[in-house]
Amino acid sequence: MDIVKGSVVRAKAGRDKGGYFVVTDILENGRVCICDGKRRKVTSPKCKNIIHLEATSFVAEEFTTNRQIKNYLKSFMEAKHV
């Protein structure tokens, strides 16, 4: 499954392991910027290597504010019963 801008991903490694995030940007060197609206804000996203992320089949359409991302991930986790 490809990771695109807006994809919901799960961190497989690092301090954020097991957490769900939204991809905010794709960088050239095989890395992406992710945020969850809480610890990782839109203004200061975490950059991670793609191999440390697991893609889901969900893509967030609108993710301009921290609140929108936080609410989307909350509803995603409730629907997935995570």
PDB file of N, CA and C in Angstrom:
ATOM      1  N   MET A   1       0.843  -1.173   0.000  1.00  0.00           N
ATOM      2  CA  MET A   1       0.000   0.000   0.000  1.00  0.00           C
ATOM      3  C   MET A   1       0.895   1.245   0.000  1.00  0.00           C
ATOM      4  N   ASP A   2       0.618   2.169  -0.867  1.00  0.00           N
ATOM      5  CA  ASP A   2       1.430   3.369  -0.977  1.00  0.00           C
ATOM      6  C   ASP A   2       1.047   4.393   0.070  1.00  0.00           C
ATOM      7  N   ILE A   3       2.042   5.151   0.496  1.00  0.00           N
ATOM      8  CA  ILE A   3       1.814   6.249   1.435  1.00  0.00           C
ATOM      9  C   ILE A   3       1.767   7.533   0.625  1.00  0.00           C
ATOM     10  N   VAL A   4       0.641   8.249   0.737  1.00  0.00           N
ATOM     11  CA  VAL A   4       0.456   9.514   0.038  1.00  0.00           C
ATOM     12  C   VAL A   4       0.138  10.589   1.064  1.00  0.00           C
ATOM     13  N   LYS A   5       0.157  11.817   0.625  1.00  0.00           N
ATOM     14  CA  LYS A   5      -0.180  12.916   1.516  1.00  0.00           C
ATOM     15  C   LYS A   5      -1.620  12.748   2.000  1.00  0.00           C
ATOM     16  N   GLY A   6      -1.801  12.753   3.318  1.00  0.00           N
ATOM     17  CA  GLY A   6      -3.119  12.553   3.903  1.00  0.00           C
ATOM     18  C   GLY A   6      -3.352  11.139   4.404  1.00  0.00           C
ATOM     19  N   SER A   7      -2.440  10.213   4.102  1.00  0.00           N
ATOM     20  CA  SER A   7      -2.592   8.827   4.550  1.00  0.00           C
ATOM     21  C   SER A   7      -2.538   8.738   6.076  1.00  0.00           C
ATOM     22  N   VAL A   8      -3.327   7.821   6.619  1.00  0.00           N
ATOM     23  CA  VAL A   8      -3.243   7.512   8.043  1.00  0.00           C
ATOM     24  C   VAL A   8      -2.263   6.355   8.162  1.00  0.00           C
ATOM     25  N   VAL A   9      -1.247   6.538   9.000  1.00  0.00           N
ATOM     26  CA  VAL A   9      -0.201   5.531   9.170  1.00  0.00           C
ATOM     27  C   VAL A   9      -0.027   5.204  10.642  1.00  0.00           C
ATOM     28  N   ARG A  10       0.552   4.014  10.908  1.00  0.00           N
ATOM     29  CA  ARG A  10       0.884   3.611  12.267  1.00  0.00           C
ATOM     30  C   ARG A  10       2.395   3.508  12.359  1.00  0.00           C
ATOM     31  N   ALA A  11       2.959   4.086  13.420  1.00  0.00           N
ATOM     32  CA  ALA A  11       4.401   4.033  13.625  1.00  0.00           C
ATOM     33  C   ALA A  11       4.797   2.645  14.107  1.00  0.00           C
ATOM     34  N   LYS A  12       5.782   2.035  13.439  1.00  0.00           N
ATOM     35  CA  LYS A  12       6.256   0.710  13.811  1.00  0.00           C
ATOM     36  C   LYS A  12       7.510   0.778  14.675  1.00  0.00           C
ATOM     37  N   ALA A  13       8.152   1.936  14.756  1.00  0.00           N
ATOM     38  CA  ALA A  13       9.405   2.046  15.490  1.00  0.00           C
ATOM     39  C   ALA A  13       9.538   3.438  16.092  1.00  0.00           C
ATOM     40  N   GLY A  14      10.409   3.521  17.076  1.00  0.00           N
ATOM     41  CA  GLY A  14      10.704   4.811  17.680  1.00  0.00           C
ATOM     42  C   GLY A  14       9.814   5.136  18.860  1.00  0.00           C
ATOM     43  N   ARG A  15       9.936   6.319  19.333  1.00  0.00           N
ATOM     44  CA  ARG A  15       9.187   6.807  20.490  1.00  0.00           C
ATOM     45  C   ARG A  15       7.685   6.787  20.259  1.00  0.00           C
ATOM     46  N   ASP A  16       7.267   6.954  19.014  1.00  0.00           N
ATOM     47  CA  ASP A  16       5.844   7.008  18.664  1.00  0.00           C
ATOM     48  C   ASP A  16       5.273   5.647  18.296  1.00  0.00           C
ATOM     49  N   LYS A  17       5.985   4.568  18.556  1.00  0.00           N
ATOM     50  CA  LYS A  17       5.590   3.217  18.160  1.00  0.00           C
ATOM     51  C   LYS A  17       4.161   2.899  18.600  1.00  0.00           C
ATOM     52  N   GLY A  18       3.354   2.418  17.635  1.00  0.00           N
ATOM     53  CA  GLY A  18       1.969   2.049  17.907  1.00  0.00           C
ATOM     54  C   GLY A  18       0.980   3.180  17.736  1.00  0.00           C
ATOM     55  N   GLY A  19       1.445   4.403  17.586  1.00  0.00           N
ATOM     56  CA  GLY A  19       0.555   5.544  17.425  1.00  0.00           C
ATOM     57  C   GLY A  19       0.131   5.747  15.985  1.00  0.00           C
ATOM     58  N   TYR A  20      -1.036   6.362  15.811  1.00  0.00           N
ATOM     59  CA  TYR A  20      -1.548   6.653  14.477  1.00  0.00           C
ATOM     60  C   TYR A  20      -1.341   8.128  14.156  1.00  0.00           C
ATOM     61  N   PHE A  21      -0.969   8.398  12.915  1.00  0.00           N
ATOM     62  CA  PHE A  21      -0.628   9.739  12.472  1.00  0.00           C
ATOM     63  C   PHE A  21      -1.162   9.979  11.066  1.00  0.00           C
ATOM     64  N   VAL A  22      -1.197  11.246  10.673  1.00  0.00           N
ATOM     65  CA  VAL A  22      -1.569  11.641   9.309  1.00  0.00           C
ATOM     66  C   VAL A  22      -0.314  12.172   8.629  1.00  0.00           C
ATOM     67  N   VAL A  23      -0.068  11.739   7.412  1.00  0.00           N
ATOM     68  CA  VAL A  23       1.089  12.204   6.634  1.00  0.00           C
ATOM     69  C   VAL A  23       0.775  13.604   6.113  1.00  0.00           C
ATOM     70  N   THR A  24       1.622  14.568   6.475  1.00  0.00           N
ATOM     71  CA  THR A  24       1.397  15.939   6.044  1.00  0.00           C
ATOM     72  C   THR A  24       2.259  16.345   4.856  1.00  0.00           C
ATOM     73  N   ASP A  25       3.375  15.643   4.660  1.00  0.00           N
ATOM     74  CA  ASP A  25       4.268  15.996   3.557  1.00  0.00           C
ATOM     75  C   ASP A  25       5.129  14.792   3.204  1.00  0.00           C
ATOM     76  N   ILE A  26       5.494  14.676   1.956  1.00  0.00           N
ATOM     77  CA  ILE A  26       6.388  13.617   1.494  1.00  0.00           C
ATOM     78  C   ILE A  26       7.682  14.270   1.032  1.00  0.00           C
ATOM     79  N   LEU A  27       8.789  13.847   1.625  1.00  0.00           N
ATOM     80  CA  LEU A  27      10.098  14.406   1.294  1.00  0.00           C
ATOM     81  C   LEU A  27      10.770  13.536   0.237  1.00  0.00           C
ATOM     82  N   GLU A  28      11.823  14.042  -0.366  1.00  0.00           N
ATOM     83  CA  GLU A  28      12.480  13.367  -1.477  1.00  0.00           C
ATOM     84  C   GLU A  28      13.279  12.139  -1.061  1.00  0.00           C
ATOM     85  N   ASN A  29      13.804  12.106   0.132  1.00  0.00           N
ATOM     86  CA  ASN A  29      14.762  11.078   0.521  1.00  0.00           C
ATOM     87  C   ASN A  29      14.131   9.864   1.213  1.00  0.00           C
ATOM     88  N   GLY A  30      12.899   9.520   0.879  1.00  0.00           N
ATOM     89  CA  GLY A  30      12.251   8.359   1.466  1.00  0.00           C
ATOM     90  C   GLY A  30      11.711   8.611   2.857  1.00  0.00           C
ATOM     91  N   ARG A  31      11.514   9.860   3.190  1.00  0.00           N
ATOM     92  CA  ARG A  31      10.986  10.228   4.503  1.00  0.00           C
ATOM     93  C   ARG A  31       9.676  10.975   4.317  1.00  0.00           C
ATOM     94  N   VAL A  32       8.855  10.957   5.355  1.00  0.00           N
ATOM     95  CA  VAL A  32       7.597  11.693   5.345  1.00  0.00           C
ATOM     96  C   VAL A  32       7.474  12.469   6.647  1.00  0.00           C
ATOM     97  N   CYS A  33       6.667  13.506   6.624  1.00  0.00           N
ATOM     98  CA  CYS A  33       6.371  14.275   7.829  1.00  0.00           C
ATOM     99  C   CYS A  33       4.993  13.835   8.317  1.00  0.00           C
ATOM    100  N   ILE A  34       4.888  13.555   9.625  1.00  0.00           N
ATOM    101  CA  ILE A  34       3.637  13.073  10.199  1.00  0.00           C
ATOM    102  C   ILE A  34       3.251  13.930  11.388  1.00  0.00           C
ATOM    103  N   CYS A  35       1.946  13.991  11.669  1.00  0.00           N
ATOM    104  CA  CYS A  35       1.477  14.687  12.861  1.00  0.00           C
ATOM    105  C   CYS A  35       0.200  14.028  13.354  1.00  0.00           C
ATOM    106  N   ASP A  36      -0.093  14.240  14.639  1.00  0.00           N
ATOM    107  CA  ASP A  36      -1.310  13.687  15.234  1.00  0.00           C
ATOM    108  C   ASP A  36      -2.186  14.769  15.841  1.00  0.00           C
ATOM    109  N   GLY A  37      -1.747  16.018  15.817  1.00  0.00           N
ATOM    110  CA  GLY A  37      -2.548  17.115  16.349  1.00  0.00           C
ATOM    111  C   GLY A  37      -2.385  17.330  17.841  1.00  0.00           C
ATOM    112  N   LYS A  38      -1.714  16.416  18.533  1.00  0.00           N
ATOM    113  CA  LYS A  38      -1.487  16.546  19.982  1.00  0.00           C
ATOM    114  C   LYS A  38      -0.018  16.841  20.247  1.00  0.00           C
ATOM    115  N   ARG A  39       0.784  15.791  20.289  1.00  0.00           N
ATOM    116  CA  ARG A  39       2.220  15.977  20.531  1.00  0.00           C
ATOM    117  C   ARG A  39       2.938  16.455  19.282  1.00  0.00           C
ATOM    118  N   ARG A  40       2.544  15.927  18.161  1.00  0.00           N
ATOM    119  CA  ARG A  40       3.144  16.304  16.877  1.00  0.00           C
ATOM    120  C   ARG A  40       2.168  17.218  16.160  1.00  0.00           C
ATOM    121  N   LYS A  41       2.435  18.510  16.223  1.00  0.00           N
ATOM    122  CA  LYS A  41       1.534  19.521  15.662  1.00  0.00           C
ATOM    123  C   LYS A  41       1.805  19.736  14.169  1.00  0.00           C
ATOM    124  N   VAL A  42       0.861  20.379  13.510  1.00  0.00           N
ATOM    125  CA  VAL A  42       0.996  20.693  12.083  1.00  0.00           C
ATOM    126  C   VAL A  42       2.175  21.632  11.861  1.00  0.00           C
ATOM    127  N   THR A  43       2.420  22.537  12.792  1.00  0.00           N
ATOM    128  CA  THR A  43       3.505  23.506  12.644  1.00  0.00           C
ATOM    129  C   THR A  43       4.880  22.889  12.869  1.00  0.00           C
ATOM    130  N   SER A  44       4.949  21.761  13.584  1.00  0.00           N
ATOM    131  CA  SER A  44       6.233  21.088  13.815  1.00  0.00           C
ATOM    132  C   SER A  44       6.059  19.574  13.727  1.00  0.00           C
ATOM    133  N   PRO A  45       5.843  19.063  12.502  1.00  0.00           N
ATOM    134  CA  PRO A  45       5.622  17.630  12.342  1.00  0.00           C
ATOM    135  C   PRO A  45       6.903  16.834  12.546  1.00  0.00           C
ATOM    136  N   LYS A  46       6.740  15.552  12.805  1.00  0.00           N
ATOM    137  CA  LYS A  46       7.864  14.625  12.965  1.00  0.00           C
ATOM    138  C   LYS A  46       8.183  14.035  11.605  1.00  0.00           C
ATOM    139  N   CYS A  47       9.454  14.025  11.226  1.00  0.00           N
ATOM    140  CA  CYS A  47       9.873  13.396   9.981  1.00  0.00           C
ATOM    141  C   CYS A  47      10.373  12.000  10.294  1.00  0.00           C
ATOM    142  N   LYS A  48       9.811  11.011   9.594  1.00  0.00           N
ATOM    143  CA  LYS A  48      10.181   9.613   9.815  1.00  0.00           C
ATOM    144  C   LYS A  48      10.462   8.934   8.481  1.00  0.00           C
ATOM    145  N   ASN A  49      11.285   7.906   8.551  1.00  0.00           N
ATOM    146  CA  ASN A  49      11.576   7.082   7.391  1.00  0.00           C
ATOM    147  C   ASN A  49      10.347   6.222   7.086  1.00  0.00           C
ATOM    148  N   ILE A  50      10.037   6.041   5.821  1.00  0.00           N
ATOM    149  CA  ILE A  50       8.847   5.293   5.413  1.00  0.00           C
ATOM    150  C   ILE A  50       8.896   3.848   5.910  1.00  0.00           C
ATOM    151  N   ILE A  51      10.085   3.258   6.034  1.00  0.00           N
ATOM    152  CA  ILE A  51      10.167   1.865   6.477  1.00  0.00           C
ATOM    153  C   ILE A  51       9.742   1.697   7.929  1.00  0.00           C
ATOM    154  N   HIS A  52       9.674   2.780   8.679  1.00  0.00           N
ATOM    155  CA  HIS A  52       9.247   2.731  10.076  1.00  0.00           C
ATOM    156  C   HIS A  52       7.752   2.985  10.231  1.00  0.00           C
ATOM    157  N   LEU A  53       7.019   3.043   9.113  1.00  0.00           N
ATOM    158  CA  LEU A  53       5.581   3.310   9.138  1.00  0.00           C
ATOM    159  C   LEU A  53       4.812   2.195   8.450  1.00  0.00           C
ATOM    160  N   GLU A  54       3.622   1.938   8.954  1.00  0.00           N
ATOM    161  CA  GLU A  54       2.722   0.964   8.336  1.00  0.00           C
ATOM    162  C   GLU A  54       1.503   1.715   7.814  1.00  0.00           C
ATOM    163  N   ALA A  55       1.255   1.609   6.527  1.00  0.00           N
ATOM    164  CA  ALA A  55       0.145   2.332   5.905  1.00  0.00           C
ATOM    165  C   ALA A  55      -1.181   1.645   6.201  1.00  0.00           C
ATOM    166  N   THR A  56      -2.227   2.440   6.349  1.00  0.00           N
ATOM    167  CA  THR A  56      -3.580   1.914   6.447  1.00  0.00           C
ATOM    168  C   THR A  56      -4.280   2.252   5.133  1.00  0.00           C
ATOM    169  N   SER A  57      -5.498   1.818   4.984  1.00  0.00           N
ATOM    170  CA  SER A  57      -6.226   2.088   3.742  1.00  0.00           C
ATOM    171  C   SER A  57      -7.013   3.397   3.808  1.00  0.00           C
ATOM    172  N   PHE A  58      -6.817   4.165   4.867  1.00  0.00           N
ATOM    173  CA  PHE A  58      -7.568   5.406   5.048  1.00  0.00           C
ATOM    174  C   PHE A  58      -6.736   6.621   4.668  1.00  0.00           C
ATOM    175  N   VAL A  59      -7.403   7.603   4.061  1.00  0.00           N
ATOM    176  CA  VAL A  59      -6.762   8.855   3.685  1.00  0.00           C
ATOM    177  C   VAL A  59      -7.631   9.999   4.176  1.00  0.00           C
ATOM    178  N   ALA A  60      -7.030  10.899   4.946  1.00  0.00           N
ATOM    179  CA  ALA A  60      -7.743  12.078   5.432  1.00  0.00           C
ATOM    180  C   ALA A  60      -7.822  13.091   4.297  1.00  0.00           C
ATOM    181  N   GLU A  61      -9.011  13.648   4.091  1.00  0.00           N
ATOM    182  CA  GLU A  61      -9.184  14.591   2.986  1.00  0.00           C
ATOM    183  C   GLU A  61      -8.755  16.009   3.364  1.00  0.00           C
ATOM    184  N   GLU A  62      -9.156  16.449   4.515  1.00  0.00           N
ATOM    185  CA  GLU A  62      -8.870  17.821   4.941  1.00  0.00           C
ATOM    186  C   GLU A  62      -8.114  17.779   6.253  1.00  0.00           C
ATOM    187  N   PHE A  63      -6.931  18.358   6.279  1.00  0.00           N
ATOM    188  CA  PHE A  63      -6.130  18.302   7.491  1.00  0.00           C
ATOM    189  C   PHE A  63      -5.317  19.582   7.663  1.00  0.00           C
ATOM    190  N   THR A  64      -5.997  20.710   7.740  1.00  0.00           N
ATOM    191  CA  THR A  64      -5.290  21.981   7.828  1.00  0.00           C
ATOM    192  C   THR A  64      -5.000  22.413   9.257  1.00  0.00           C
ATOM    193  N   THR A  65      -5.779  21.948  10.227  1.00  0.00           N
ATOM    194  CA  THR A  65      -5.555  22.361  11.613  1.00  0.00           C
ATOM    195  C   THR A  65      -5.332  21.147  12.511  1.00  0.00           C
ATOM    196  N   ASN A  66      -4.732  21.406  13.659  1.00  0.00           N
ATOM    197  CA  ASN A  66      -4.497  20.345  14.633  1.00  0.00           C
ATOM    198  C   ASN A  66      -5.809  19.730  15.100  1.00  0.00           C
ATOM    199  N   ARG A  67      -6.808  20.554  15.296  1.00  0.00           N
ATOM    200  CA  ARG A  67      -8.105  20.064  15.758  1.00  0.00           C
ATOM    201  C   ARG A  67      -8.733  19.101  14.753  1.00  0.00           C
ATOM    202  N   GLN A  68      -8.648  19.420  13.460  1.00  0.00           N
ATOM    203  CA  GLN A  68      -9.200  18.541  12.429  1.00  0.00           C
ATOM    204  C   GLN A  68      -8.485  17.193  12.418  1.00  0.00           C
ATOM    205  N   ILE A  69      -7.172  17.221  12.539  1.00  0.00           N
ATOM    206  CA  ILE A  69      -6.404  15.974  12.559  1.00  0.00           C
ATOM    207  C   ILE A  69      -6.733  15.160  13.794  1.00  0.00           C
ATOM    208  N   LYS A  70      -6.790  15.822  14.942  1.00  0.00           N
ATOM    209  CA  LYS A  70      -7.097  15.149  16.198  1.00  0.00           C
ATOM    210  C   LYS A  70      -8.473  14.489  16.141  1.00  0.00           C
ATOM    211  N   ASN A  71      -9.472  15.212  15.649  1.00  0.00           N
ATOM    212  CA  ASN A  71     -10.826  14.667  15.545  1.00  0.00           C
ATOM    213  C   ASN A  71     -10.901  13.529  14.533  1.00  0.00           C
ATOM    214  N   TYR A  72     -10.207  13.650  13.414  1.00  0.00           N
ATOM    215  CA  TYR A  72     -10.213  12.593  12.414  1.00  0.00           C
ATOM    216  C   TYR A  72      -9.591  11.322  12.977  1.00  0.00           C
ATOM    217  N   LEU A  73      -8.448  11.441  13.635  1.00  0.00           N
ATOM    218  CA  LEU A  73      -7.789  10.264  14.202  1.00  0.00           C
ATOM    219  C   LEU A  73      -8.613   9.653  15.332  1.00  0.00           C
ATOM    220  N   LYS A  74      -9.306  10.491  16.092  1.00  0.00           N
ATOM    221  CA  LYS A  74     -10.167   9.976  17.164  1.00  0.00           C
ATOM    222  C   LYS A  74     -11.302   9.145  16.572  1.00  0.00           C
ATOM    223  N   SER A  75     -11.957   9.649  15.534  1.00  0.00           N
ATOM    224  CA  SER A  75     -13.037   8.896  14.904  1.00  0.00           C
ATOM    225  C   SER A  75     -12.501   7.650  14.201  1.00  0.00           C
ATOM    226  N   PHE A  76     -11.302   7.750  13.625  1.00  0.00           N
ATOM    227  CA  PHE A  76     -10.662   6.593  12.996  1.00  0.00           C
ATOM    228  C   PHE A  76     -10.418   5.485  14.032  1.00  0.00           C
ATOM    229  N   MET A  77      -9.898   5.848  15.174  1.00  0.00           N
ATOM    230  CA  MET A  77      -9.585   4.863  16.212  1.00  0.00           C
ATOM    231  C   MET A  77     -10.859   4.270  16.806  1.00  0.00           C
ATOM    232  N   GLU A  78     -11.919   5.058  16.924  1.00  0.00           N
ATOM    233  CA  GLU A  78     -13.196   4.528  17.412  1.00  0.00           C
ATOM    234  C   GLU A  78     -13.797   3.539  16.406  1.00  0.00           C
ATOM    235  N   ALA A  79     -13.667   3.850  15.132  1.00  0.00           N
ATOM    236  CA  ALA A  79     -14.200   2.963  14.092  1.00  0.00           C
ATOM    237  C   ALA A  79     -13.396   1.669  14.005  1.00  0.00           C
ATOM    238  N   LYS A  80     -12.094   1.751  14.208  1.00  0.00           N
ATOM    239  CA  LYS A  80     -11.217   0.586  14.151  1.00  0.00           C
ATOM    240  C   LYS A  80     -11.185  -0.163  15.487  1.00  0.00           C
ATOM    241  N   HIS A  81     -11.744   0.424  16.545  1.00  0.00           N
ATOM    242  CA  HIS A  81     -11.733  -0.142  17.903  1.00  0.00           C
ATOM    243  C   HIS A  81     -10.307  -0.391  18.375  1.00  0.00           C
ATOM    244  N   VAL A  82      -9.454   0.591  18.133  1.00  0.00           N
ATOM    245  CA  VAL A  82      -8.051   0.478  18.538  1.00  0.00           C
ATOM    246  C   VAL A  82      -7.918   0.835  19.993  1.00  0.00           C
TER     247      VAL A  82
END
